[in-house]
Amino acid sequence: MLMKTGLATTARLAPAALAVGLALVASGAPAATQGQPVPECGGAVICARERWNDTGVDVTAGEPVHFRISGTWYDAGEEATFEGYAKPLFAPVAWLRRYPGARWFALIACVERTRHCAPVRADRPFVPVTSGRVYMYANDLWPMYSNNRGQLTVERVIDPR
């Protein structure tokens, strides 16, 4: 059983945990503050060339899920973030995108590789209509994934409210 005093607790920590804690203190890293969203450890790599990327995130129908996304990917030579890009030249074939209502190369989240999909947005959570594993992809034409490159990192953010 851990005691409430700092020294007694520190003495009982595993050496590796103690080293990590001391390194954080020495680096001046800020302590977690109450009420701020906290990302889960790690994150999933979403590859632009993959038609389905398993995020490792399981969701429950109706429960909002927040994601933090970083990185850049490319549709042939066109650079994009997770929000995708608009290209008027491609307008005649836009309806053929896997998710026609979202921009080219927008990050799309689906539950269990079904049609229960939605674009991932920075300003609002993904709210699944069914429970299961979240898969993601770059919104492109199904046969055109071979000219894609780059990757995004996606972290599920736990909202403590």
C-alpha atoms as a PDB file:
ATOM      1  CA  MET A   1       0.000   0.000   0.000  1.00  0.00           C
ATOM      2  CA  LEU A   2       1.342   3.438  -0.929  1.00  0.00           C
ATOM      3  CA  MET A   3       1.680   6.085   1.722  1.00  0.00           C
ATOM      4  CA  LYS A   4       0.488   9.613   1.044  1.00  0.00           C
ATOM      5  CA  THR A   5       3.818  11.291   1.708  1.00  0.00           C
ATOM      6  CA  GLY A   6       5.895  12.170  -1.335  1.00  0.00           C
ATOM      7  CA  LEU A   7       9.145  10.585  -0.153  1.00  0.00           C
ATOM      8  CA  ALA A   8       7.593   7.292   0.916  1.00  0.00           C
ATOM      9  CA  THR A   9       5.648   7.055  -2.366  1.00  0.00           C
ATOM     10  CA  THR A  10       8.741   7.897  -4.432  1.00  0.00           C
ATOM     11  CA  ALA A  11      10.788   5.271  -2.623  1.00  0.00           C
ATOM     12  CA  ARG A  12       8.308   2.583  -3.592  1.00  0.00           C
ATOM     13  CA  LEU A  13       8.127   3.472  -7.297  1.00  0.00           C
ATOM     14  CA  ALA A  14       9.813   1.197  -9.797  1.00  0.00           C
ATOM     15  CA  PRO A  15      13.218   2.577 -10.835  1.00  0.00           C
ATOM     16  CA  ALA A  16      12.106   3.127 -14.467  1.00  0.00           C
ATOM     17  CA  ALA A  17       9.009   5.073 -13.397  1.00  0.00           C
ATOM     18  CA  LEU A  18      11.116   7.147 -11.035  1.00  0.00           C
ATOM     19  CA  ALA A  19      13.596   7.951 -13.820  1.00  0.00           C
ATOM     20  CA  VAL A  20      10.790   9.039 -16.151  1.00  0.00           C
ATOM     21  CA  GLY A  21       9.235  11.213 -13.444  1.00  0.00           C
ATOM     22  CA  LEU A  22      12.548  12.854 -12.632  1.00  0.00           C
ATOM     23  CA  ALA A  23      13.237  13.480 -16.342  1.00  0.00           C
ATOM     24  CA  LEU A  24       9.876  15.212 -16.710  1.00  0.00           C
ATOM     25  CA  VAL A  25      10.502  17.403 -13.694  1.00  0.00           C
ATOM     26  CA  ALA A  26      14.008  18.253 -14.911  1.00  0.00           C
ATOM     27  CA  SER A  27      12.755  19.093 -18.409  1.00  0.00           C
ATOM     28  CA  GLY A  28      10.236  21.584 -17.073  1.00  0.00           C
ATOM     29  CA  ALA A  29       7.362  19.722 -18.746  1.00  0.00           C
ATOM     30  CA  PRO A  30       4.032  21.068 -17.462  1.00  0.00           C
ATOM     31  CA  ALA A  31       1.959  18.862 -15.232  1.00  0.00           C
ATOM     32  CA  ALA A  32      -1.426  17.733 -16.541  1.00  0.00           C
ATOM     33  CA  THR A  33      -4.102  20.178 -15.537  1.00  0.00           C
ATOM     34  CA  GLN A  34      -7.595  19.240 -14.568  1.00  0.00           C
ATOM     35  CA  GLY A  35     -10.255  19.849 -17.190  1.00  0.00           C
ATOM     36  CA  GLN A  36      -7.994  19.639 -20.256  1.00  0.00           C
ATOM     37  CA  PRO A  37      -8.426  16.920 -22.903  1.00  0.00           C
ATOM     38  CA  VAL A  38      -5.789  14.213 -22.590  1.00  0.00           C
ATOM     39  CA  PRO A  39      -4.648  12.156 -25.609  1.00  0.00           C
ATOM     40  CA  GLU A  40      -4.382   8.411 -25.211  1.00  0.00           C
ATOM     41  CA  CYS A  41      -0.867   7.042 -25.394  1.00  0.00           C
ATOM     42  CA  GLY A  42       0.549   6.587 -28.869  1.00  0.00           C
ATOM     43  CA  GLY A  43      -1.838   7.027 -31.714  1.00  0.00           C
ATOM     44  CA  ALA A  44      -2.669   5.350 -34.976  1.00  0.00           C
ATOM     45  CA  VAL A  45      -0.785   5.950 -38.197  1.00  0.00           C
ATOM     46  CA  ILE A  46      -3.169   6.510 -41.092  1.00  0.00           C
ATOM     47  CA  CYS A  47      -1.360   5.783 -44.362  1.00  0.00           C
ATOM     48  CA  ALA A  48      -2.563   7.587 -47.478  1.00  0.00           C
ATOM     49  CA  ARG A  49      -2.065   4.490 -49.664  1.00  0.00           C
ATOM     50  CA  GLU A  50      -4.146   2.183 -47.490  1.00  0.00           C
ATOM     51  CA  ARG A  51      -7.817   1.829 -48.317  1.00  0.00           C
ATOM     52  CA  TRP A  52      -8.561   0.886 -44.680  1.00  0.00           C
ATOM     53  CA  ASN A  53      -6.457   1.887 -41.647  1.00  0.00           C
ATOM     54  CA  ASP A  54      -7.279   0.197 -38.340  1.00  0.00           C
ATOM     55  CA  THR A  55      -7.064   2.859 -35.601  1.00  0.00           C
ATOM     56  CA  GLY A  56      -7.228   0.414 -32.707  1.00  0.00           C
ATOM     57  CA  VAL A  57     -10.050   2.550 -31.283  1.00  0.00           C
ATOM     58  CA  ASP A  58     -13.300   0.848 -30.295  1.00  0.00           C
ATOM     59  CA  VAL A  59     -16.399   3.029 -29.989  1.00  0.00           C
ATOM     60  CA  THR A  60     -19.925   2.784 -28.654  1.00  0.00           C
ATOM     61  CA  ALA A  61     -22.904   3.960 -30.691  1.00  0.00           C
ATOM     62  CA  GLY A  62     -23.942   7.504 -29.813  1.00  0.00           C
ATOM     63  CA  GLU A  63     -20.891   8.307 -27.656  1.00  0.00           C
ATOM     64  CA  PRO A  64     -18.871  11.226 -29.092  1.00  0.00           C
ATOM     65  CA  VAL A  65     -15.201  10.584 -29.855  1.00  0.00           C
ATOM     66  CA  HIS A  66     -12.657  13.405 -30.172  1.00  0.00           C
ATOM     67  CA  PHE A  67      -9.502  12.975 -32.249  1.00  0.00           C
ATOM     68  CA  ARG A  68      -6.273  14.967 -32.450  1.00  0.00           C
ATOM     69  CA  ILE A  69      -4.709  14.717 -35.910  1.00  0.00           C
ATOM     70  CA  SER A  70      -1.247  15.697 -37.117  1.00  0.00           C
ATOM     71  CA  GLY A  71       0.762  15.154 -40.265  1.00  0.00           C
ATOM     72  CA  THR A  72       0.564  15.720 -43.987  1.00  0.00           C
ATOM     73  CA  TRP A  73      -0.272  13.449 -46.863  1.00  0.00           C
ATOM     74  CA  TYR A  74      -0.244  13.772 -50.642  1.00  0.00           C
ATOM     75  CA  ASP A  75      -2.637  12.895 -53.424  1.00  0.00           C
ATOM     76  CA  ALA A  76      -0.151  12.528 -56.287  1.00  0.00           C
ATOM     77  CA  GLY A  77       1.549  15.941 -55.935  1.00  0.00           C
ATOM     78  CA  GLU A  78      -1.281  17.696 -54.044  1.00  0.00           C
ATOM     79  CA  GLU A  79      -0.446  18.316 -50.371  1.00  0.00           C
ATOM     80  CA  ALA A  80      -3.283  17.968 -47.878  1.00  0.00           C
ATOM     81  CA  THR A  81      -4.046  17.934 -44.178  1.00  0.00           C
ATOM     82  CA  PHE A  82      -6.792  15.819 -42.629  1.00  0.00           C
ATOM     83  CA  GLU A  83      -9.308  18.437 -43.845  1.00  0.00           C
ATOM     84  CA  GLY A  84      -8.562  17.590 -47.479  1.00  0.00           C
ATOM     85  CA  TYR A  85      -8.458  19.991 -50.410  1.00  0.00           C
ATOM     86  CA  ALA A  86     -10.734  21.359 -53.134  1.00  0.00           C
ATOM     87  CA  LYS A  87      -9.828  20.948 -56.803  1.00  0.00           C
ATOM     88  CA  PRO A  88     -12.346  22.410 -59.301  1.00  0.00           C
ATOM     89  CA  LEU A  89     -10.655  20.485 -62.108  1.00  0.00           C
ATOM     90  CA  PHE A  90     -11.822  17.231 -60.450  1.00  0.00           C
ATOM     91  CA  ALA A  91     -15.440  18.380 -60.031  1.00  0.00           C
ATOM     92  CA  PRO A  92     -16.789  16.101 -62.832  1.00  0.00           C
ATOM     93  CA  VAL A  93     -15.597  12.997 -60.937  1.00  0.00           C
ATOM     94  CA  ALA A  94     -16.137  14.206 -57.372  1.00  0.00           C
ATOM     95  CA  TRP A  95     -19.251  12.066 -57.034  1.00  0.00           C
ATOM     96  CA  LEU A  96     -17.032   8.991 -57.452  1.00  0.00           C
ATOM     97  CA  ARG A  97     -15.049   9.655 -54.269  1.00  0.00           C
ATOM     98  CA  ARG A  98     -15.541   7.050 -51.559  1.00  0.00           C
ATOM     99  CA  TYR A  99     -17.300   9.699 -49.470  1.00  0.00           C
ATOM    100  CA  PRO A 100     -18.760  12.113 -52.069  1.00  0.00           C
ATOM    101  CA  GLY A 101     -19.856  14.727 -49.517  1.00  0.00           C
ATOM    102  CA  ALA A 102     -16.312  15.412 -48.249  1.00  0.00           C
ATOM    103  CA  ARG A 103     -13.324  17.082 -49.899  1.00  0.00           C
ATOM    104  CA  TRP A 104     -10.580  15.226 -51.717  1.00  0.00           C
ATOM    105  CA  PHE A 105      -8.253  13.573 -49.205  1.00  0.00           C
ATOM    106  CA  ALA A 106     -10.378  14.474 -46.197  1.00  0.00           C
ATOM    107  CA  LEU A 107      -9.848  12.000 -43.358  1.00  0.00           C
ATOM    108  CA  ILE A 108     -12.897   9.728 -43.159  1.00  0.00           C
ATOM    109  CA  ALA A 109     -13.777   7.594 -40.120  1.00  0.00           C
ATOM    110  CA  CYS A 110     -15.952   4.477 -40.406  1.00  0.00           C
ATOM    111  CA  VAL A 111     -17.115   1.894 -37.912  1.00  0.00           C
ATOM    112  CA  GLU A 112     -16.187  -1.679 -38.865  1.00  0.00           C
ATOM    113  CA  ARG A 113     -15.511  -0.896 -42.555  1.00  0.00           C
ATOM    114  CA  THR A 114     -19.161  -0.153 -43.189  1.00  0.00           C
ATOM    115  CA  ARG A 115     -20.986   2.767 -44.741  1.00  0.00           C
ATOM    116  CA  HIS A 116     -21.400   4.290 -41.262  1.00  0.00           C
ATOM    117  CA  CYS A 117     -18.785   6.947 -42.037  1.00  0.00           C
ATOM    118  CA  ALA A 118     -18.168  10.646 -41.481  1.00  0.00           C
ATOM    119  CA  PRO A 119     -15.374  13.137 -42.118  1.00  0.00           C
ATOM    120  CA  VAL A 120     -13.148  13.732 -39.080  1.00  0.00           C
ATOM    121  CA  ARG A 121     -13.444  17.357 -38.015  1.00  0.00           C
ATOM    122  CA  ALA A 122     -11.308  19.422 -35.656  1.00  0.00           C
ATOM    123  CA  ASP A 123     -14.276  21.430 -34.403  1.00  0.00           C
ATOM    124  CA  ARG A 124     -16.636  18.593 -33.468  1.00  0.00           C
ATOM    125  CA  PRO A 125     -16.502  14.964 -32.370  1.00  0.00           C
ATOM    126  CA  PHE A 126     -17.119  11.860 -34.440  1.00  0.00           C
ATOM    127  CA  VAL A 127     -20.403  10.357 -33.209  1.00  0.00           C
ATOM    128  CA  PRO A 128     -20.723   6.740 -34.334  1.00  0.00           C
ATOM    129  CA  VAL A 129     -24.154   5.389 -35.210  1.00  0.00           C
ATOM    130  CA  THR A 130     -23.054   1.843 -34.447  1.00  0.00           C
ATOM    131  CA  SER A 131     -20.562   0.250 -32.056  1.00  0.00           C
ATOM    132  CA  GLY A 132     -17.267  -1.310 -33.133  1.00  0.00           C
ATOM    133  CA  ARG A 133     -13.727  -0.612 -34.329  1.00  0.00           C
ATOM    134  CA  VAL A 134     -12.914   2.681 -36.098  1.00  0.00           C
ATOM    135  CA  TYR A 135     -11.174   2.487 -39.469  1.00  0.00           C
ATOM    136  CA  MET A 136      -9.996   5.560 -41.388  1.00  0.00           C
ATOM    137  CA  TYR A 137      -8.952   6.467 -44.914  1.00  0.00           C
ATOM    138  CA  ALA A 138      -8.062   9.348 -47.221  1.00  0.00           C
ATOM    139  CA  ASN A 139     -11.089  10.285 -49.313  1.00  0.00           C
ATOM    140  CA  ASP A 140     -10.055   9.383 -52.853  1.00  0.00           C
ATOM    141  CA  LEU A 141     -11.211   7.370 -55.836  1.00  0.00           C
ATOM    142  CA  TRP A 142     -11.051   3.644 -55.028  1.00  0.00           C
ATOM    143  CA  PRO A 143      -8.625   2.762 -57.889  1.00  0.00           C
ATOM    144  CA  MET A 144      -6.314   5.755 -57.275  1.00  0.00           C
ATOM    145  CA  TYR A 145      -4.641   4.898 -53.960  1.00  0.00           C
ATOM    146  CA  SER A 146      -1.376   3.865 -55.632  1.00  0.00           C
ATOM    147  CA  ASN A 147      -0.350   7.513 -56.233  1.00  0.00           C
ATOM    148  CA  ASN A 148      -0.950   8.524 -52.608  1.00  0.00           C
ATOM    149  CA  ARG A 149       1.815   8.995 -50.063  1.00  0.00           C
ATOM    150  CA  GLY A 150       2.360  10.335 -46.570  1.00  0.00           C
ATOM    151  CA  GLN A 151       0.577   9.675 -43.326  1.00  0.00           C
ATOM    152  CA  LEU A 152      -1.363  11.224 -40.499  1.00  0.00           C
ATOM    153  CA  THR A 153      -1.170  10.402 -36.812  1.00  0.00           C
ATOM    154  CA  VAL A 154      -4.523  10.155 -35.073  1.00  0.00           C
ATOM    155  CA  GLU A 155      -4.931  10.130 -31.297  1.00  0.00           C
ATOM    156  CA  ARG A 156      -8.173   9.601 -29.467  1.00  0.00           C
ATOM    157  CA  VAL A 157      -8.587  12.406 -26.951  1.00  0.00           C
ATOM    158  CA  ILE A 158     -10.260  11.656 -23.651  1.00  0.00           C
ATOM    159  CA  ASP A 159     -12.378  14.620 -22.549  1.00  0.00           C
ATOM    160  CA  PRO A 160     -12.452  14.687 -18.740  1.00  0.00           C
ATOM    161  CA  ARG A 161     -15.644  16.743 -18.468  1.00  0.00           C
END
